[in-house]
Amino acid sequence: MESGTNGLIYPFAFRDLFGKDSGLENVFLSLPEDAQKAILKEEIRSEADLQDCIERYKLKQ
């Protein structure tokens, strides 16, 4: 398990979805905890899926 900056713990394997783009991880970690939890519940299989999901949640804010 990995801990984000706000204390949210997400599965270590989830880090692989960030790819080599640490900026994507920073964007994910900058989201509110409720958005992070909702994203973790999504069926994400690739870095592109994660980016799309993050964009959807950013648009909702």
PDB file of N, CA and C in Angstrom:
ATOM      1  N   MET A   1       0.845  -1.181   0.000  1.00  0.00           N
ATOM      2  CA  MET A   1       0.000   0.000   0.000  1.00  0.00           C
ATOM      3  C   MET A   1       0.888   1.241   0.000  1.00  0.00           C
ATOM      4  N   GLU A   2       0.390   2.259  -0.625  1.00  0.00           N
ATOM      5  CA  GLU A   2       1.116   3.514  -0.744  1.00  0.00           C
ATOM      6  C   GLU A   2       0.240   4.606  -0.135  1.00  0.00           C
ATOM      7  N   SER A   3       0.859   5.548   0.529  1.00  0.00           N
ATOM      8  CA  SER A   3       0.112   6.629   1.145  1.00  0.00           C
ATOM      9  C   SER A   3       0.317   7.908   0.359  1.00  0.00           C
ATOM     10  N   GLY A   4      -0.789   8.575   0.042  1.00  0.00           N
ATOM     11  CA  GLY A   4      -0.716   9.851  -0.646  1.00  0.00           C
ATOM     12  C   GLY A   4      -0.458  10.972   0.337  1.00  0.00           C
ATOM     13  N   THR A   5      -0.390  12.193  -0.187  1.00  0.00           N
ATOM     14  CA  THR A   5      -0.072  13.336   0.659  1.00  0.00           C
ATOM     15  C   THR A   5      -1.180  13.656   1.649  1.00  0.00           C
ATOM     16  N   ASN A   6      -2.416  13.269   1.333  1.00  0.00           N
ATOM     17  CA  ASN A   6      -3.508  13.558   2.259  1.00  0.00           C
ATOM     18  C   ASN A   6      -3.814  12.378   3.166  1.00  0.00           C
ATOM     19  N   GLY A   7      -2.964  11.352   3.124  1.00  0.00           N
ATOM     20  CA  GLY A   7      -3.144  10.207   3.993  1.00  0.00           C
ATOM     21  C   GLY A   7      -3.947   9.082   3.386  1.00  0.00           C
ATOM     22  N   LEU A   8      -4.528   9.307   2.202  1.00  0.00           N
ATOM     23  CA  LEU A   8      -5.279   8.244   1.541  1.00  0.00           C
ATOM     24  C   LEU A   8      -4.322   7.133   1.154  1.00  0.00           C
ATOM     25  N   ILE A   9      -4.705   5.917   1.449  1.00  0.00           N
ATOM     26  CA  ILE A   9      -3.869   4.771   1.107  1.00  0.00           C
ATOM     27  C   ILE A   9      -4.464   4.103  -0.118  1.00  0.00           C
ATOM     28  N   TYR A  10      -3.624   3.916  -1.146  1.00  0.00           N
ATOM     29  CA  TYR A  10      -4.087   3.246  -2.359  1.00  0.00           C
ATOM     30  C   TYR A  10      -3.179   2.064  -2.652  1.00  0.00           C
ATOM     31  N   PRO A  11      -3.686   1.065  -3.390  1.00  0.00           N
ATOM     32  CA  PRO A  11      -2.897  -0.137  -3.667  1.00  0.00           C
ATOM     33  C   PRO A  11      -1.590   0.193  -4.377  1.00  0.00           C
ATOM     34  N   PHE A  12      -0.519  -0.462  -3.953  1.00  0.00           N
ATOM     35  CA  PHE A  12       0.797  -0.216  -4.537  1.00  0.00           C
ATOM     36  C   PHE A  12       0.781  -0.457  -6.041  1.00  0.00           C
ATOM     37  N   ALA A  13       0.053  -1.477  -6.489  1.00  0.00           N
ATOM     38  CA  ALA A  13      -0.016  -1.783  -7.923  1.00  0.00           C
ATOM     39  C   ALA A  13      -0.626  -0.624  -8.705  1.00  0.00           C
ATOM     40  N   PHE A  14      -1.411   0.201  -8.052  1.00  0.00           N
ATOM     41  CA  PHE A  14      -2.023   1.355  -8.710  1.00  0.00           C
ATOM     42  C   PHE A  14      -0.957   2.316  -9.217  1.00  0.00           C
ATOM     43  N   ARG A  15       0.198   2.336  -8.551  1.00  0.00           N
ATOM     44  CA  ARG A  15       1.291   3.225  -8.975  1.00  0.00           C
ATOM     45  C   ARG A  15       1.738   2.929 -10.392  1.00  0.00           C
ATOM     46  N   ASP A  16       1.617   1.657 -10.826  1.00  0.00           N
ATOM     47  CA  ASP A  16       2.013   1.305 -12.187  1.00  0.00           C
ATOM     48  C   ASP A  16       1.194   2.064 -13.224  1.00  0.00           C
ATOM     49  N   LEU A  17      -0.014   2.438 -12.884  1.00  0.00           N
ATOM     50  CA  LEU A  17      -0.863   3.172 -13.814  1.00  0.00           C
ATOM     51  C   LEU A  17      -0.379   4.597 -14.031  1.00  0.00           C
ATOM     52  N   PHE A  18       0.439   5.103 -13.115  1.00  0.00           N
ATOM     53  CA  PHE A  18       0.980   6.443 -13.289  1.00  0.00           C
ATOM     54  C   PHE A  18       2.062   6.459 -14.356  1.00  0.00           C
ATOM     55  N   GLY A  19       2.580   5.280 -14.699  1.00  0.00           N
ATOM     56  CA  GLY A  19       3.627   5.194 -15.707  1.00  0.00           C
ATOM     57  C   GLY A  19       4.862   5.950 -15.260  1.00  0.00           C
ATOM     58  N   LYS A  20       5.534   6.512 -16.206  1.00  0.00           N
ATOM     59  CA  LYS A  20       6.747   7.281 -15.908  1.00  0.00           C
ATOM     60  C   LYS A  20       6.419   8.748 -15.640  1.00  0.00           C
ATOM     61  N   ASP A  21       5.146   9.079 -15.699  1.00  0.00           N
ATOM     62  CA  ASP A  21       4.701  10.461 -15.545  1.00  0.00           C
ATOM     63  C   ASP A  21       4.384  10.754 -14.081  1.00  0.00           C
ATOM     64  N   SER A  22       5.378  11.222 -13.346  1.00  0.00           N
ATOM     65  CA  SER A  22       5.134  11.531 -11.932  1.00  0.00           C
ATOM     66  C   SER A  22       4.169  12.700 -11.795  1.00  0.00           C
ATOM     67  N   GLY A  23       4.033  13.496 -12.848  1.00  0.00           N
ATOM     68  CA  GLY A  23       3.068  14.591 -12.825  1.00  0.00           C
ATOM     69  C   GLY A  23       1.648  14.079 -12.700  1.00  0.00           C
ATOM     70  N   LEU A  24       1.372  12.937 -13.335  1.00  0.00           N
ATOM     71  CA  LEU A  24       0.044  12.331 -13.247  1.00  0.00           C
ATOM     72  C   LEU A  24      -0.239  11.901 -11.808  1.00  0.00           C
ATOM     73  N   GLU A  25       0.755  11.335 -11.161  1.00  0.00           N
ATOM     74  CA  GLU A  25       0.585  10.948  -9.758  1.00  0.00           C
ATOM     75  C   GLU A  25       0.337  12.185  -8.899  1.00  0.00           C
ATOM     76  N   ASN A  26       1.073  13.257  -9.155  1.00  0.00           N
ATOM     77  CA  ASN A  26       0.888  14.487  -8.382  1.00  0.00           C
ATOM     78  C   ASN A  26      -0.510  15.064  -8.578  1.00  0.00           C
ATOM     79  N   VAL A  27      -1.014  14.995  -9.822  1.00  0.00           N
ATOM     80  CA  VAL A  27      -2.370  15.477 -10.092  1.00  0.00           C
ATOM     81  C   VAL A  27      -3.381  14.639  -9.317  1.00  0.00           C
ATOM     82  N   PHE A  28      -3.210  13.314  -9.358  1.00  0.00           N
ATOM     83  CA  PHE A  28      -4.104  12.422  -8.617  1.00  0.00           C
ATOM     84  C   PHE A  28      -4.067  12.760  -7.128  1.00  0.00           C
ATOM     85  N   LEU A  29      -2.879  12.913  -6.585  1.00  0.00           N
ATOM     86  CA  LEU A  29      -2.742  13.182  -5.152  1.00  0.00           C
ATOM     87  C   LEU A  29      -3.250  14.568  -4.766  1.00  0.00           C
ATOM     88  N   SER A  30      -3.334  15.483  -5.727  1.00  0.00           N
ATOM     89  CA  SER A  30      -3.825  16.828  -5.426  1.00  0.00           C
ATOM     90  C   SER A  30      -5.351  16.898  -5.408  1.00  0.00           C
ATOM     91  N   LEU A  31      -6.003  15.847  -5.906  1.00  0.00           N
ATOM     92  CA  LEU A  31      -7.467  15.817  -5.894  1.00  0.00           C
ATOM     93  C   LEU A  31      -7.972  15.631  -4.467  1.00  0.00           C
ATOM     94  N   PRO A  32      -9.186  16.085  -4.204  1.00  0.00           N
ATOM     95  CA  PRO A  32      -9.775  15.846  -2.880  1.00  0.00           C
ATOM     96  C   PRO A  32      -9.884  14.344  -2.614  1.00  0.00           C
ATOM     97  N   GLU A  33      -9.852  13.980  -1.357  1.00  0.00           N
ATOM     98  CA  GLU A  33      -9.864  12.569  -0.983  1.00  0.00           C
ATOM     99  C   GLU A  33     -11.085  11.837  -1.532  1.00  0.00           C
ATOM    100  N   ASP A  34     -12.248  12.490  -1.543  1.00  0.00           N
ATOM    101  CA  ASP A  34     -13.439  11.810  -2.059  1.00  0.00           C
ATOM    102  C   ASP A  34     -13.311  11.507  -3.550  1.00  0.00           C
ATOM    103  N   ALA A  35     -12.669  12.395  -4.302  1.00  0.00           N
ATOM    104  CA  ALA A  35     -12.432  12.150  -5.726  1.00  0.00           C
ATOM    105  C   ALA A  35     -11.433  11.010  -5.906  1.00  0.00           C
ATOM    106  N   GLN A  36     -10.386  10.983  -5.085  1.00  0.00           N
ATOM    107  CA  GLN A  36      -9.403   9.896  -5.164  1.00  0.00           C
ATOM    108  C   GLN A  36     -10.073   8.554  -4.891  1.00  0.00           C
ATOM    109  N   LYS A  37     -10.913   8.506  -3.869  1.00  0.00           N
ATOM    110  CA  LYS A  37     -11.604   7.258  -3.532  1.00  0.00           C
ATOM    111  C   LYS A  37     -12.509   6.816  -4.671  1.00  0.00           C
ATOM    112  N   ALA A  38     -13.212   7.764  -5.286  1.00  0.00           N
ATOM    113  CA  ALA A  38     -14.098   7.431  -6.401  1.00  0.00           C
ATOM    114  C   ALA A  38     -13.295   6.898  -7.584  1.00  0.00           C
ATOM    115  N   ILE A  39     -12.148   7.496  -7.855  1.00  0.00           N
ATOM    116  CA  ILE A  39     -11.291   7.042  -8.953  1.00  0.00           C
ATOM    117  C   ILE A  39     -10.783   5.637  -8.677  1.00  0.00           C
ATOM    118  N   LEU A  40     -10.415   5.366  -7.434  1.00  0.00           N
ATOM    119  CA  LEU A  40      -9.918   4.033  -7.083  1.00  0.00           C
ATOM    120  C   LEU A  40     -10.984   2.957  -7.277  1.00  0.00           C
ATOM    121  N   LYS A  41     -12.249   3.347  -7.248  1.00  0.00           N
ATOM    122  CA  LYS A  41     -13.335   2.386  -7.448  1.00  0.00           C
ATOM    123  C   LYS A  41     -13.628   2.136  -8.927  1.00  0.00           C
ATOM    124  N   GLU A  42     -13.093   2.987  -9.798  1.00  0.00           N
ATOM    125  CA  GLU A  42     -13.310   2.837 -11.236  1.00  0.00           C
ATOM    126  C   GLU A  42     -12.541   1.634 -11.771  1.00  0.00           C
ATOM    127  N   GLU A  43     -12.975   1.134 -12.904  1.00  0.00           N
ATOM    128  CA  GLU A  43     -12.269   0.035 -13.568  1.00  0.00           C
ATOM    129  C   GLU A  43     -11.205   0.642 -14.486  1.00  0.00           C
ATOM    130  N   ILE A  44     -10.020   0.820 -13.939  1.00  0.00           N
ATOM    131  CA  ILE A  44      -8.922   1.465 -14.662  1.00  0.00           C
ATOM    132  C   ILE A  44      -7.891   0.407 -15.019  1.00  0.00           C
ATOM    133  N   ARG A  45      -7.600   0.319 -16.323  1.00  0.00           N
ATOM    134  CA  ARG A  45      -6.667  -0.708 -16.787  1.00  0.00           C
ATOM    135  C   ARG A  45      -5.392  -0.148 -17.393  1.00  0.00           C
ATOM    136  N   SER A  46      -5.363   1.160 -17.614  1.00  0.00           N
ATOM    137  CA  SER A  46      -4.191   1.742 -18.268  1.00  0.00           C
ATOM    138  C   SER A  46      -3.980   3.172 -17.785  1.00  0.00           C
ATOM    139  N   GLU A  47      -2.816   3.697 -18.134  1.00  0.00           N
ATOM    140  CA  GLU A  47      -2.505   5.087 -17.790  1.00  0.00           C
ATOM    141  C   GLU A  47      -3.509   6.031 -18.457  1.00  0.00           C
ATOM    142  N   ALA A  48      -3.892   5.717 -19.702  1.00  0.00           N
ATOM    143  CA  ALA A  48      -4.865   6.549 -20.423  1.00  0.00           C
ATOM    144  C   ALA A  48      -6.224   6.532 -19.718  1.00  0.00           C
ATOM    145  N   ASP A  49      -6.646   5.357 -19.232  1.00  0.00           N
ATOM    146  CA  ASP A  49      -7.899   5.265 -18.473  1.00  0.00           C
ATOM    147  C   ASP A  49      -7.831   6.161 -17.239  1.00  0.00           C
ATOM    148  N   LEU A  50      -6.696   6.124 -16.563  1.00  0.00           N
ATOM    149  CA  LEU A  50      -6.521   6.936 -15.359  1.00  0.00           C
ATOM    150  C   LEU A  50      -6.584   8.419 -15.702  1.00  0.00           C
ATOM    151  N   GLN A  51      -5.907   8.824 -16.772  1.00  0.00           N
ATOM    152  CA  GLN A  51      -5.931  10.229 -17.185  1.00  0.00           C
ATOM    153  C   GLN A  51      -7.352  10.678 -17.503  1.00  0.00           C
ATOM    154  N   ASP A  52      -8.092   9.844 -18.237  1.00  0.00           N
ATOM    155  CA  ASP A  52      -9.477  10.181 -18.573  1.00  0.00           C
ATOM    156  C   ASP A  52     -10.330  10.325 -17.320  1.00  0.00           C
ATOM    157  N   CYS A  53     -10.150   9.416 -16.400  1.00  0.00           N
ATOM    158  CA  CYS A  53     -10.920   9.435 -15.162  1.00  0.00           C
ATOM    159  C   CYS A  53     -10.606  10.689 -14.343  1.00  0.00           C
ATOM    160  N   ILE A  54      -9.344  11.021 -14.245  1.00  0.00           N
ATOM    161  CA  ILE A  54      -8.941  12.232 -13.519  1.00  0.00           C
ATOM    162  C   ILE A  54      -9.555  13.460 -14.168  1.00  0.00           C
ATOM    163  N   GLU A  55      -9.524  13.525 -15.494  1.00  0.00           N
ATOM    164  CA  GLU A  55     -10.103  14.672 -16.200  1.00  0.00           C
ATOM    165  C   GLU A  55     -11.602  14.784 -15.930  1.00  0.00           C
ATOM    166  N   ARG A  56     -12.309  13.659 -15.913  1.00  0.00           N
ATOM    167  CA  ARG A  56     -13.747  13.685 -15.620  1.00  0.00           C
ATOM    168  C   ARG A  56     -14.003  14.258 -14.227  1.00  0.00           C
ATOM    169  N   TYR A  57     -13.210  13.843 -13.256  1.00  0.00           N
ATOM    170  CA  TYR A  57     -13.416  14.335 -11.892  1.00  0.00           C
ATOM    171  C   TYR A  57     -12.997  15.792 -11.749  1.00  0.00           C
ATOM    172  N   LYS A  58     -11.985  16.210 -12.499  1.00  0.00           N
ATOM    173  CA  LYS A  58     -11.582  17.620 -12.452  1.00  0.00           C
ATOM    174  C   LYS A  58     -12.673  18.503 -13.044  1.00  0.00           C
ATOM    175  N   LEU A  59     -13.361  18.010 -14.083  1.00  0.00           N
ATOM    176  CA  LEU A  59     -14.444  18.776 -14.695  1.00  0.00           C
ATOM    177  C   LEU A  59     -15.641  18.910 -13.761  1.00  0.00           C
ATOM    178  N   LYS A  60     -15.829  17.941 -12.876  1.00  0.00           N
ATOM    179  CA  LYS A  60     -16.941  17.973 -11.926  1.00  0.00           C
ATOM    180  C   LYS A  60     -16.728  19.001 -10.823  1.00  0.00           C
ATOM    181  N   GLN A  61     -15.492  19.400 -10.600  1.00  0.00           N
ATOM    182  CA  GLN A  61     -15.192  20.315  -9.488  1.00  0.00           C
ATOM    183  C   GLN A  61     -15.636  21.718  -9.789  1.00  0.00           C
TER     184      GLN A  61
END
